[in-house]
């Protein structure tokens, strides 16, 4: 439901947004729009019952509330912002004294028509979004990659990502870490980038993360293939120093949910350390905004970057 071309003010707007937000839409709720400017509100409640190596507990998994807005500056240029906050949803005592416990995405940007977008602030690594994310098919249980959400990108970052030109696209980004005079550290700049090509059901991408602060830069490549409307597969290769990582993640979608998995293999260059980790899960959608899922993660030799445990999770998520 949209409130197009109408202005809502004060408490009445917030009450209406809250009521409609929890009523069942999975899309961002459009609070305001006049043709040149829009303001959307969205969020999520996500709770999980875990059995972590025999230890039972309830956790919240990234419950959040956010908003995004934009303004058409001229026919070729749009300005936009986003602010998203995580909060503790499962326990009142844990939430005290600060219910909002994390900032997930906070940035401002400009989108140039037929060119691409520049943004500045706090956001996930563009390397992660285009390379290892293709095997991140789970909702809760641990998974692994040599770069996940991208701590080397969140905060003090600037990026440019192009539009697609005949299937080709690219992105570059840098994160500036100010010097810490007390620790005797110098100012550093971590650089990363990717190139991608998409044709029909297949998308290829290759990326680089300077990994400033680590000993070695990170190189990776990914491919996603939509075999049919129901079945897709993502595959990943990464290398950092003497560690190599291979991953594959099939996803089968059916009318009410998904069945998915992930196999991750890591080894060192001497081949004297290696490990296989497994993730498996299935979800069932109760309604458009709400679904439940069951997941499992485990590892074999538990030698390289593995979780070293068996982890079951039963979760429920409601998007609004």
C-alpha atoms as a PDB file:
ATOM      1  CA  UNK A   1       0.000   0.000   0.000  1.00  0.00           C
ATOM      2  CA  UNK A   2       1.370   3.435  -0.926  1.00  0.00           C
ATOM      3  CA  UNK A   3       0.553   6.920   0.256  1.00  0.00           C
ATOM      4  CA  UNK A   4       1.429   8.531  -3.041  1.00  0.00           C
ATOM      5  CA  UNK A   5       1.232  12.307  -3.452  1.00  0.00           C
ATOM      6  CA  UNK A   6      -0.030  12.792   0.097  1.00  0.00           C
ATOM      7  CA  UNK A   7       1.773  14.250   3.065  1.00  0.00           C
ATOM      8  CA  UNK A   8       1.352  12.613   6.469  1.00  0.00           C
ATOM      9  CA  UNK A   9       2.571  14.388   9.561  1.00  0.00           C
ATOM     10  CA  UNK A  10       3.286  13.747  13.248  1.00  0.00           C
ATOM     11  CA  UNK A  11       2.006  10.934  15.408  1.00  0.00           C
ATOM     12  CA  UNK A  12      -0.783   9.935  13.026  1.00  0.00           C
ATOM     13  CA  UNK A  13       1.795   9.064  10.358  1.00  0.00           C
ATOM     14  CA  UNK A  14       3.857   6.923  12.737  1.00  0.00           C
ATOM     15  CA  UNK A  15       0.793   5.085  13.978  1.00  0.00           C
ATOM     16  CA  UNK A  16      -0.396   4.371  10.453  1.00  0.00           C
ATOM     17  CA  UNK A  17       3.061   3.194   9.364  1.00  0.00           C
ATOM     18  CA  UNK A  18       3.405   0.870  12.354  1.00  0.00           C
ATOM     19  CA  UNK A  19      -0.050  -0.594  11.902  1.00  0.00           C
ATOM     20  CA  UNK A  20       0.322  -1.253   8.195  1.00  0.00           C
ATOM     21  CA  UNK A  21       3.934  -2.362   8.534  1.00  0.00           C
ATOM     22  CA  UNK A  22       3.023  -5.256  10.820  1.00  0.00           C
ATOM     23  CA  UNK A  23      -0.109  -6.154   8.881  1.00  0.00           C
ATOM     24  CA  UNK A  24       1.716  -8.260   6.317  1.00  0.00           C
ATOM     25  CA  UNK A  25       3.469  -6.399   3.494  1.00  0.00           C
ATOM     26  CA  UNK A  26       7.003  -7.525   2.713  1.00  0.00           C
ATOM     27  CA  UNK A  27       7.819  -4.339   0.837  1.00  0.00           C
ATOM     28  CA  UNK A  28       9.066  -1.116   2.331  1.00  0.00           C
ATOM     29  CA  UNK A  29       6.153   1.039   3.439  1.00  0.00           C
ATOM     30  CA  UNK A  30       6.011   4.240   1.428  1.00  0.00           C
ATOM     31  CA  UNK A  31       5.438   7.014   3.969  1.00  0.00           C
ATOM     32  CA  UNK A  32       5.734   9.894   1.516  1.00  0.00           C
ATOM     33  CA  UNK A  33       6.079  10.370  -2.241  1.00  0.00           C
ATOM     34  CA  UNK A  34       5.426  13.380  -4.459  1.00  0.00           C
ATOM     35  CA  UNK A  35       7.027  12.368  -7.742  1.00  0.00           C
ATOM     36  CA  UNK A  36      10.417  13.899  -6.940  1.00  0.00           C
ATOM     37  CA  UNK A  37      10.944  12.733  -3.346  1.00  0.00           C
ATOM     38  CA  UNK A  38      10.153   9.484  -1.503  1.00  0.00           C
ATOM     39  CA  UNK A  39      10.564   8.190   2.049  1.00  0.00           C
ATOM     40  CA  UNK A  40      10.190   4.457   2.893  1.00  0.00           C
ATOM     41  CA  UNK A  41      10.167   2.591   6.208  1.00  0.00           C
ATOM     42  CA  UNK A  42      10.954  -1.119   6.609  1.00  0.00           C
ATOM     43  CA  UNK A  43      12.041  -3.657   9.217  1.00  0.00           C
ATOM     44  CA  UNK A  44      12.348  -7.248  10.393  1.00  0.00           C
ATOM     45  CA  UNK A  45      11.837  -9.400  13.494  1.00  0.00           C
ATOM     46  CA  UNK A  46      14.000 -12.543  13.369  1.00  0.00           C
ATOM     47  CA  UNK A  47      14.204 -15.032  16.266  1.00  0.00           C
ATOM     48  CA  UNK A  48      15.864 -18.453  16.450  1.00  0.00           C
ATOM     49  CA  UNK A  49      15.908 -21.462  18.789  1.00  0.00           C
ATOM     50  CA  UNK A  50      19.442 -22.880  18.669  1.00  0.00           C
ATOM     51  CA  UNK A  51      21.043 -26.153  19.682  1.00  0.00           C
ATOM     52  CA  UNK A  52      24.736 -25.359  19.582  1.00  0.00           C
ATOM     53  CA  UNK A  53      26.757 -28.489  20.450  1.00  0.00           C
ATOM     54  CA  UNK A  54      24.014 -29.474  22.907  1.00  0.00           C
ATOM     55  CA  UNK A  55      23.506 -25.990  24.362  1.00  0.00           C
ATOM     56  CA  UNK A  56      19.953 -24.685  23.867  1.00  0.00           C
ATOM     57  CA  UNK A  57      19.239 -20.958  23.699  1.00  0.00           C
ATOM     58  CA  UNK A  58      17.093 -18.390  21.917  1.00  0.00           C
ATOM     59  CA  UNK A  59      18.788 -15.639  19.935  1.00  0.00           C
ATOM     60  CA  UNK A  60      17.749 -12.757  17.756  1.00  0.00           C
ATOM     61  CA  UNK A  61      19.273 -12.762  14.301  1.00  0.00           C
ATOM     62  CA  UNK A  62      19.557  -9.282  12.922  1.00  0.00           C
ATOM     63  CA  UNK A  63      16.173  -7.810  13.795  1.00  0.00           C
ATOM     64  CA  UNK A  64      16.199  -4.337  12.337  1.00  0.00           C
ATOM     65  CA  UNK A  65      14.377  -1.122  11.564  1.00  0.00           C
ATOM     66  CA  UNK A  66      15.377   1.187   8.763  1.00  0.00           C
ATOM     67  CA  UNK A  67      14.394   3.879   6.348  1.00  0.00           C
ATOM     68  CA  UNK A  68      15.498   4.997   2.920  1.00  0.00           C
ATOM     69  CA  UNK A  69      14.779   8.147   1.008  1.00  0.00           C
ATOM     70  CA  UNK A  70      15.635   9.779  -2.281  1.00  0.00           C
ATOM     71  CA  UNK A  71      15.152  12.950  -4.279  1.00  0.00           C
ATOM     72  CA  UNK A  72      15.257  13.515  -8.044  1.00  0.00           C
ATOM     73  CA  UNK A  73      17.691  16.441  -8.351  1.00  0.00           C
ATOM     74  CA  UNK A  74      17.316  16.624 -12.133  1.00  0.00           C
ATOM     75  CA  UNK A  75      16.287  14.168 -14.891  1.00  0.00           C
ATOM     76  CA  UNK A  76      19.772  12.582 -14.867  1.00  0.00           C
ATOM     77  CA  UNK A  77      20.666  12.721 -11.177  1.00  0.00           C
ATOM     78  CA  UNK A  78      19.133  11.333  -7.980  1.00  0.00           C
ATOM     79  CA  UNK A  79      20.299  11.744  -4.387  1.00  0.00           C
ATOM     80  CA  UNK A  80      19.565   8.992  -1.865  1.00  0.00           C
ATOM     81  CA  UNK A  81      20.150   8.011   1.755  1.00  0.00           C
ATOM     82  CA  UNK A  82      19.688   4.921   3.914  1.00  0.00           C
ATOM     83  CA  UNK A  83      19.836   4.369   7.664  1.00  0.00           C
ATOM     84  CA  UNK A  84      19.305   0.925   9.186  1.00  0.00           C
ATOM     85  CA  UNK A  85      19.581  -0.036  12.853  1.00  0.00           C
ATOM     86  CA  UNK A  86      19.692  -3.423  14.590  1.00  0.00           C
ATOM     87  CA  UNK A  87      17.975  -3.945  17.917  1.00  0.00           C
ATOM     88  CA  UNK A  88      17.718  -6.637  20.588  1.00  0.00           C
ATOM     89  CA  UNK A  89      14.377  -8.376  20.030  1.00  0.00           C
ATOM     90  CA  UNK A  90      14.539 -11.505  22.191  1.00  0.00           C
ATOM     91  CA  UNK A  91      15.281 -10.336  25.736  1.00  0.00           C
ATOM     92  CA  UNK A  92      14.272  -7.194  27.641  1.00  0.00           C
ATOM     93  CA  UNK A  93      17.190  -7.339  30.074  1.00  0.00           C
ATOM     94  CA  UNK A  94      19.721  -7.782  27.267  1.00  0.00           C
ATOM     95  CA  UNK A  95      18.224  -4.771  25.515  1.00  0.00           C
ATOM     96  CA  UNK A  96      18.887  -2.477  28.445  1.00  0.00           C
ATOM     97  CA  UNK A  97      20.058   0.246  28.503  1.00  0.00           C
ATOM     98  CA  UNK A  98      20.267   0.532  24.700  1.00  0.00           C
ATOM     99  CA  UNK A  99      17.614  -1.211  22.623  1.00  0.00           C
ATOM    100  CA  UNK A 100      19.379  -0.133  19.415  1.00  0.00           C
ATOM    101  CA  UNK A 101      22.656  -2.055  19.552  1.00  0.00           C
ATOM    102  CA  UNK A 102      24.165  -1.664  16.087  1.00  0.00           C
ATOM    103  CA  UNK A 103      24.170   0.457  12.939  1.00  0.00           C
ATOM    104  CA  UNK A 104      23.937  -1.759   9.867  1.00  0.00           C
ATOM    105  CA  UNK A 105      23.769   0.590   6.876  1.00  0.00           C
ATOM    106  CA  UNK A 106      24.128   4.354   7.021  1.00  0.00           C
ATOM    107  CA  UNK A 107      25.116   6.160   3.847  1.00  0.00           C
ATOM    108  CA  UNK A 108      24.363   8.938   1.390  1.00  0.00           C
ATOM    109  CA  UNK A 109      24.831   8.781  -2.345  1.00  0.00           C
ATOM    110  CA  UNK A 110      24.243  10.041  -5.859  1.00  0.00           C
ATOM    111  CA  UNK A 111      22.899   7.945  -8.727  1.00  0.00           C
ATOM    112  CA  UNK A 112      23.803   9.096 -12.251  1.00  0.00           C
ATOM    113  CA  UNK A 113      21.401   7.805 -14.889  1.00  0.00           C
ATOM    114  CA  UNK A 114      23.038   5.460 -17.413  1.00  0.00           C
ATOM    115  CA  UNK A 115      26.352   5.643 -15.500  1.00  0.00           C
ATOM    116  CA  UNK A 116      26.175   4.294 -11.938  1.00  0.00           C
ATOM    117  CA  UNK A 117      26.102   5.321  -8.294  1.00  0.00           C
ATOM    118  CA  UNK A 118      28.501   6.779  -5.748  1.00  0.00           C
ATOM    119  CA  UNK A 119      27.880   6.355  -2.023  1.00  0.00           C
ATOM    120  CA  UNK A 120      29.702   7.387   1.139  1.00  0.00           C
ATOM    121  CA  UNK A 121      29.351   6.049   4.668  1.00  0.00           C
ATOM    122  CA  UNK A 122      28.868   2.631   6.250  1.00  0.00           C
ATOM    123  CA  UNK A 123      27.919  -0.360   4.068  1.00  0.00           C
ATOM    124  CA  UNK A 124      28.894  -3.944   3.213  1.00  0.00           C
ATOM    125  CA  UNK A 125      31.986  -4.638   1.172  1.00  0.00           C
ATOM    126  CA  UNK A 126      31.390  -4.591  -2.581  1.00  0.00           C
ATOM    127  CA  UNK A 127      33.752  -7.583  -2.739  1.00  0.00           C
ATOM    128  CA  UNK A 128      31.472  -9.528  -0.380  1.00  0.00           C
ATOM    129  CA  UNK A 129      28.297  -8.514  -2.212  1.00  0.00           C
ATOM    130  CA  UNK A 130      29.600  -9.791  -5.551  1.00  0.00           C
ATOM    131  CA  UNK A 131      31.871 -12.725  -4.658  1.00  0.00           C
ATOM    132  CA  UNK A 132      31.315 -14.769  -1.432  1.00  0.00           C
ATOM    133  CA  UNK A 133      27.680 -13.774  -0.984  1.00  0.00           C
ATOM    134  CA  UNK A 134      26.689 -16.242  -3.721  1.00  0.00           C
ATOM    135  CA  UNK A 135      27.189 -19.130  -1.236  1.00  0.00           C
ATOM    136  CA  UNK A 136      25.588 -17.340   1.735  1.00  0.00           C
ATOM    137  CA  UNK A 137      22.250 -19.121   1.433  1.00  0.00           C
ATOM    138  CA  UNK A 138      21.507 -19.743   5.130  1.00  0.00           C
ATOM    139  CA  UNK A 139      19.448 -17.641   7.557  1.00  0.00           C
ATOM    140  CA  UNK A 140      21.254 -18.268  10.860  1.00  0.00           C
ATOM    141  CA  UNK A 141      23.811 -21.068  11.167  1.00  0.00           C
ATOM    142  CA  UNK A 142      27.458 -20.213  10.648  1.00  0.00           C
ATOM    143  CA  UNK A 143      28.988 -20.260   7.189  1.00  0.00           C
ATOM    144  CA  UNK A 144      32.468 -19.322   6.095  1.00  0.00           C
ATOM    145  CA  UNK A 145      34.342 -17.307   3.528  1.00  0.00           C
ATOM    146  CA  UNK A 146      37.586 -15.378   3.587  1.00  0.00           C
ATOM    147  CA  UNK A 147      35.500 -12.195   3.604  1.00  0.00           C
ATOM    148  CA  UNK A 148      31.954 -12.110   4.974  1.00  0.00           C
ATOM    149  CA  UNK A 149      30.060  -8.864   5.568  1.00  0.00           C
ATOM    150  CA  UNK A 150      33.334  -7.035   5.131  1.00  0.00           C
ATOM    151  CA  UNK A 151      34.795  -5.378   8.222  1.00  0.00           C
ATOM    152  CA  UNK A 152      37.373  -3.862   5.882  1.00  0.00           C
ATOM    153  CA  UNK A 153      34.571  -1.900   4.213  1.00  0.00           C
ATOM    154  CA  UNK A 154      32.035  -0.913   6.860  1.00  0.00           C
ATOM    155  CA  UNK A 155      32.427   2.703   7.889  1.00  0.00           C
ATOM    156  CA  UNK A 156      34.433   5.615   6.455  1.00  0.00           C
ATOM    157  CA  UNK A 157      33.988   4.132   2.974  1.00  0.00           C
ATOM    158  CA  UNK A 158      33.323   5.442  -0.494  1.00  0.00           C
ATOM    159  CA  UNK A 159      32.340   3.360  -3.516  1.00  0.00           C
ATOM    160  CA  UNK A 160      31.385   3.636  -7.156  1.00  0.00           C
ATOM    161  CA  UNK A 161      29.379   0.898  -8.887  1.00  0.00           C
ATOM    162  CA  UNK A 162      28.491   1.159 -12.550  1.00  0.00           C
ATOM    163  CA  UNK A 163      25.316   0.328 -14.386  1.00  0.00           C
ATOM    164  CA  UNK A 164      25.354  -2.735 -16.627  1.00  0.00           C
ATOM    165  CA  UNK A 165      26.763  -2.055 -20.105  1.00  0.00           C
ATOM    166  CA  UNK A 166      25.866  -4.941 -22.417  1.00  0.00           C
ATOM    167  CA  UNK A 167      26.102  -7.263 -19.412  1.00  0.00           C
ATOM    168  CA  UNK A 168      29.358  -5.845 -18.017  1.00  0.00           C
ATOM    169  CA  UNK A 169      29.580  -3.934 -14.721  1.00  0.00           C
ATOM    170  CA  UNK A 170      32.291  -2.950 -12.261  1.00  0.00           C
ATOM    171  CA  UNK A 171      32.832  -1.422  -8.847  1.00  0.00           C
ATOM    172  CA  UNK A 172      35.655   0.158  -6.841  1.00  0.00           C
ATOM    173  CA  UNK A 173      35.714   1.150  -3.176  1.00  0.00           C
ATOM    174  CA  UNK A 174      38.017   2.300  -0.418  1.00  0.00           C
ATOM    175  CA  UNK A 175      37.829   2.440   3.365  1.00  0.00           C
ATOM    176  CA  UNK A 176      39.839   5.063   5.241  1.00  0.00           C
ATOM    177  CA  UNK A 177      40.988   4.122   8.731  1.00  0.00           C
ATOM    178  CA  UNK A 178      42.211   7.242  10.573  1.00  0.00           C
ATOM    179  CA  UNK A 179      45.540   6.973  12.336  1.00  0.00           C
ATOM    180  CA  UNK A 180      45.517   6.132  16.042  1.00  0.00           C
ATOM    181  CA  UNK A 181      48.154   8.383  17.545  1.00  0.00           C
ATOM    182  CA  UNK A 182      47.956   6.678  20.938  1.00  0.00           C
ATOM    183  CA  UNK A 183      48.748   3.302  19.357  1.00  0.00           C
ATOM    184  CA  UNK A 184      51.342   4.736  17.023  1.00  0.00           C
ATOM    185  CA  UNK A 185      49.348   3.640  13.962  1.00  0.00           C
ATOM    186  CA  UNK A 186      49.291   5.450  10.627  1.00  0.00           C
ATOM    187  CA  UNK A 187      46.276   6.252   8.494  1.00  0.00           C
ATOM    188  CA  UNK A 188      45.449   3.409   6.092  1.00  0.00           C
ATOM    189  CA  UNK A 189      43.276   3.013   3.021  1.00  0.00           C
ATOM    190  CA  UNK A 190      41.872  -0.401   2.094  1.00  0.00           C
ATOM    191  CA  UNK A 191      41.020  -0.756  -1.593  1.00  0.00           C
ATOM    192  CA  UNK A 192      38.796  -3.318  -3.308  1.00  0.00           C
ATOM    193  CA  UNK A 193      37.035  -3.819  -6.597  1.00  0.00           C
ATOM    194  CA  UNK A 194      35.228  -6.223  -8.895  1.00  0.00           C
ATOM    195  CA  UNK A 195      34.208  -6.787 -12.492  1.00  0.00           C
ATOM    196  CA  UNK A 196      31.130  -8.803 -13.481  1.00  0.00           C
ATOM    197  CA  UNK A 197      29.442 -10.102 -16.608  1.00  0.00           C
ATOM    198  CA  UNK A 198      25.874 -11.354 -16.830  1.00  0.00           C
ATOM    199  CA  UNK A 199      24.309 -13.127 -19.774  1.00  0.00           C
ATOM    200  CA  UNK A 200      20.992 -14.924 -19.637  1.00  0.00           C
ATOM    201  CA  UNK A 201      20.860 -17.143 -16.530  1.00  0.00           C
ATOM    202  CA  UNK A 202      24.614 -16.913 -15.797  1.00  0.00           C
ATOM    203  CA  UNK A 203      26.585 -14.269 -13.909  1.00  0.00           C
ATOM    204  CA  UNK A 204      30.380 -14.269 -13.490  1.00  0.00           C
ATOM    205  CA  UNK A 205      32.313 -11.980 -11.149  1.00  0.00           C
ATOM    206  CA  UNK A 206      35.940 -11.589 -10.084  1.00  0.00           C
ATOM    207  CA  UNK A 207      37.134  -9.385  -7.243  1.00  0.00           C
ATOM    208  CA  UNK A 208      40.086  -8.092  -5.240  1.00  0.00           C
ATOM    209  CA  UNK A 209      40.346  -6.958  -1.618  1.00  0.00           C
ATOM    210  CA  UNK A 210      43.634  -5.374  -0.562  1.00  0.00           C
ATOM    211  CA  UNK A 211      42.983  -6.664   2.993  1.00  0.00           C
ATOM    212  CA  UNK A 212      44.909  -3.813   4.595  1.00  0.00           C
ATOM    213  CA  UNK A 213      46.083  -4.962   8.011  1.00  0.00           C
ATOM    214  CA  UNK A 214      46.317  -8.618   6.915  1.00  0.00           C
ATOM    215  CA  UNK A 215      49.444 -10.170   5.465  1.00  0.00           C
ATOM    216  CA  UNK A 216      48.007 -10.999   2.070  1.00  0.00           C
ATOM    217  CA  UNK A 217      45.539  -9.558  -0.405  1.00  0.00           C
ATOM    218  CA  UNK A 218      42.359 -11.498  -1.155  1.00  0.00           C
ATOM    219  CA  UNK A 219      41.394 -12.665  -4.641  1.00  0.00           C
ATOM    220  CA  UNK A 220      38.092 -14.316  -5.522  1.00  0.00           C
ATOM    221  CA  UNK A 221      35.730 -15.347  -8.288  1.00  0.00           C
ATOM    222  CA  UNK A 222      32.101 -16.432  -8.305  1.00  0.00           C
ATOM    223  CA  UNK A 223      29.510 -17.742 -10.703  1.00  0.00           C
ATOM    224  CA  UNK A 224      25.751 -18.079 -10.342  1.00  0.00           C
ATOM    225  CA  UNK A 225      23.658 -20.147 -12.711  1.00  0.00           C
ATOM    226  CA  UNK A 226      19.866 -20.187 -12.748  1.00  0.00           C
ATOM    227  CA  UNK A 227      19.335 -23.672 -14.140  1.00  0.00           C
ATOM    228  CA  UNK A 228      15.550 -23.368 -14.081  1.00  0.00           C
ATOM    229  CA  UNK A 229      12.942 -21.100 -12.463  1.00  0.00           C
ATOM    230  CA  UNK A 230      13.135 -23.370  -9.397  1.00  0.00           C
ATOM    231  CA  UNK A 231      16.851 -24.308  -9.230  1.00  0.00           C
ATOM    232  CA  UNK A 232      19.933 -22.101  -9.014  1.00  0.00           C
ATOM    233  CA  UNK A 233      23.565 -22.759  -8.026  1.00  0.00           C
ATOM    234  CA  UNK A 234      26.275 -20.426  -6.760  1.00  0.00           C
ATOM    235  CA  UNK A 235      29.985 -21.334  -6.774  1.00  0.00           C
ATOM    236  CA  UNK A 236      32.966 -19.564  -5.207  1.00  0.00           C
ATOM    237  CA  UNK A 237      36.762 -19.650  -5.301  1.00  0.00           C
ATOM    238  CA  UNK A 238      38.926 -17.510  -3.012  1.00  0.00           C
ATOM    239  CA  UNK A 239      42.633 -17.350  -2.281  1.00  0.00           C
ATOM    240  CA  UNK A 240      44.478 -15.418   0.408  1.00  0.00           C
ATOM    241  CA  UNK A 241      48.128 -16.171   1.036  1.00  0.00           C
ATOM    242  CA  UNK A 242      48.516 -19.934   1.364  1.00  0.00           C
ATOM    243  CA  UNK A 243      44.787 -20.571   1.975  1.00  0.00           C
ATOM    244  CA  UNK A 244      42.420 -21.598  -0.821  1.00  0.00           C
ATOM    245  CA  UNK A 245      38.653 -21.819  -0.442  1.00  0.00           C
ATOM    246  CA  UNK A 246      36.103 -23.550  -2.694  1.00  0.00           C
ATOM    247  CA  UNK A 247      32.368 -23.329  -2.112  1.00  0.00           C
ATOM    248  CA  UNK A 248      29.139 -24.370  -3.821  1.00  0.00           C
ATOM    249  CA  UNK A 249      25.540 -23.597  -2.822  1.00  0.00           C
ATOM    250  CA  UNK A 250      22.443 -24.993  -4.571  1.00  0.00           C
ATOM    251  CA  UNK A 251      18.987 -23.517  -3.877  1.00  0.00           C
ATOM    252  CA  UNK A 252      15.723 -25.183  -4.881  1.00  0.00           C
ATOM    253  CA  UNK A 253      12.623 -22.994  -4.647  1.00  0.00           C
ATOM    254  CA  UNK A 254       9.178 -24.518  -4.367  1.00  0.00           C
ATOM    255  CA  UNK A 255       5.751 -22.925  -4.052  1.00  0.00           C
ATOM    256  CA  UNK A 256       5.954 -22.217  -0.316  1.00  0.00           C
ATOM    257  CA  UNK A 257       9.677 -21.962   0.404  1.00  0.00           C
ATOM    258  CA  UNK A 258      13.205 -23.162  -0.343  1.00  0.00           C
ATOM    259  CA  UNK A 259      15.536 -26.105   0.188  1.00  0.00           C
ATOM    260  CA  UNK A 260      19.173 -25.054   0.211  1.00  0.00           C
ATOM    261  CA  UNK A 261      22.686 -26.078   1.112  1.00  0.00           C
ATOM    262  CA  UNK A 262      26.322 -25.107   1.116  1.00  0.00           C
ATOM    263  CA  UNK A 263      29.538 -27.153   0.927  1.00  0.00           C
ATOM    264  CA  UNK A 264      32.755 -25.303   1.740  1.00  0.00           C
ATOM    265  CA  UNK A 265      36.257 -26.781   1.346  1.00  0.00           C
ATOM    266  CA  UNK A 266      39.413 -25.035   2.591  1.00  0.00           C
ATOM    267  CA  UNK A 267      43.034 -26.121   2.255  1.00  0.00           C
ATOM    268  CA  UNK A 268      46.494 -24.653   2.591  1.00  0.00           C
ATOM    269  CA  UNK A 269      49.077 -24.675  -0.165  1.00  0.00           C
ATOM    270  CA  UNK A 270      51.074 -27.491   1.490  1.00  0.00           C
ATOM    271  CA  UNK A 271      47.921 -29.648   1.539  1.00  0.00           C
ATOM    272  CA  UNK A 272      48.634 -30.675   5.138  1.00  0.00           C
ATOM    273  CA  UNK A 273      45.594 -28.823   6.493  1.00  0.00           C
ATOM    274  CA  UNK A 274      42.107 -29.088   5.022  1.00  0.00           C
ATOM    275  CA  UNK A 275      38.504 -29.064   6.091  1.00  0.00           C
ATOM    276  CA  UNK A 276      34.991 -29.533   4.712  1.00  0.00           C
ATOM    277  CA  UNK A 277      32.045 -27.687   6.238  1.00  0.00           C
ATOM    278  CA  UNK A 278      28.377 -28.358   5.470  1.00  0.00           C
ATOM    279  CA  UNK A 279      25.251 -26.235   5.737  1.00  0.00           C
ATOM    280  CA  UNK A 280      21.762 -27.571   4.974  1.00  0.00           C
ATOM    281  CA  UNK A 281      18.335 -26.049   5.463  1.00  0.00           C
ATOM    282  CA  UNK A 282      14.761 -25.666   4.395  1.00  0.00           C
ATOM    283  CA  UNK A 283      12.174 -22.928   4.783  1.00  0.00           C
ATOM    284  CA  UNK A 284       8.392 -22.767   4.606  1.00  0.00           C
ATOM    285  CA  UNK A 285       6.528 -19.533   3.951  1.00  0.00           C
ATOM    286  CA  UNK A 286       3.448 -19.150   6.151  1.00  0.00           C
ATOM    287  CA  UNK A 287       2.449 -15.912   4.433  1.00  0.00           C
ATOM    288  CA  UNK A 288       4.037 -13.354   2.155  1.00  0.00           C
ATOM    289  CA  UNK A 289       5.982 -11.595   4.940  1.00  0.00           C
ATOM    290  CA  UNK A 290       6.519 -14.546   7.331  1.00  0.00           C
ATOM    291  CA  UNK A 291       8.471 -17.803   7.077  1.00  0.00           C
ATOM    292  CA  UNK A 292       9.958 -20.504   9.311  1.00  0.00           C
ATOM    293  CA  UNK A 293      13.080 -22.575   8.688  1.00  0.00           C
ATOM    294  CA  UNK A 294      15.226 -25.425  10.004  1.00  0.00           C
ATOM    295  CA  UNK A 295      19.011 -25.393   9.460  1.00  0.00           C
ATOM    296  CA  UNK A 296      22.085 -27.458  10.301  1.00  0.00           C
ATOM    297  CA  UNK A 297      25.817 -26.735  10.065  1.00  0.00           C
ATOM    298  CA  UNK A 298      28.778 -29.006  10.768  1.00  0.00           C
ATOM    299  CA  UNK A 299      32.429 -29.515   9.938  1.00  0.00           C
ATOM    300  CA  UNK A 300      34.728 -32.512   9.411  1.00  0.00           C
ATOM    301  CA  UNK A 301      38.399 -32.231  10.387  1.00  0.00           C
ATOM    302  CA  UNK A 302      37.843 -28.804  11.950  1.00  0.00           C
ATOM    303  CA  UNK A 303      41.307 -27.552  11.103  1.00  0.00           C
ATOM    304  CA  UNK A 304      40.902 -24.401   9.003  1.00  0.00           C
ATOM    305  CA  UNK A 305      38.411 -21.670   9.874  1.00  0.00           C
ATOM    306  CA  UNK A 306      35.759 -24.235  10.819  1.00  0.00           C
ATOM    307  CA  UNK A 307      32.986 -23.872  13.375  1.00  0.00           C
ATOM    308  CA  UNK A 308      34.177 -26.967  15.326  1.00  0.00           C
ATOM    309  CA  UNK A 309      30.636 -27.901  16.390  1.00  0.00           C
ATOM    310  CA  UNK A 310      27.235 -29.188  15.294  1.00  0.00           C
ATOM    311  CA  UNK A 311      24.627 -26.447  15.130  1.00  0.00           C
ATOM    312  CA  UNK A 312      20.863 -26.858  14.677  1.00  0.00           C
ATOM    313  CA  UNK A 313      18.585 -23.842  14.379  1.00  0.00           C
ATOM    314  CA  UNK A 314      14.801 -23.453  14.173  1.00  0.00           C
ATOM    315  CA  UNK A 315      13.844 -19.915  13.265  1.00  0.00           C
ATOM    316  CA  UNK A 316      11.008 -17.575  12.370  1.00  0.00           C
ATOM    317  CA  UNK A 317      11.300 -14.309  10.449  1.00  0.00           C
ATOM    318  CA  UNK A 318       8.741 -11.597   9.713  1.00  0.00           C
ATOM    319  CA  UNK A 319       9.609  -8.820   7.268  1.00  0.00           C
ATOM    320  CA  UNK A 320       7.669  -5.588   7.070  1.00  0.00           C
END
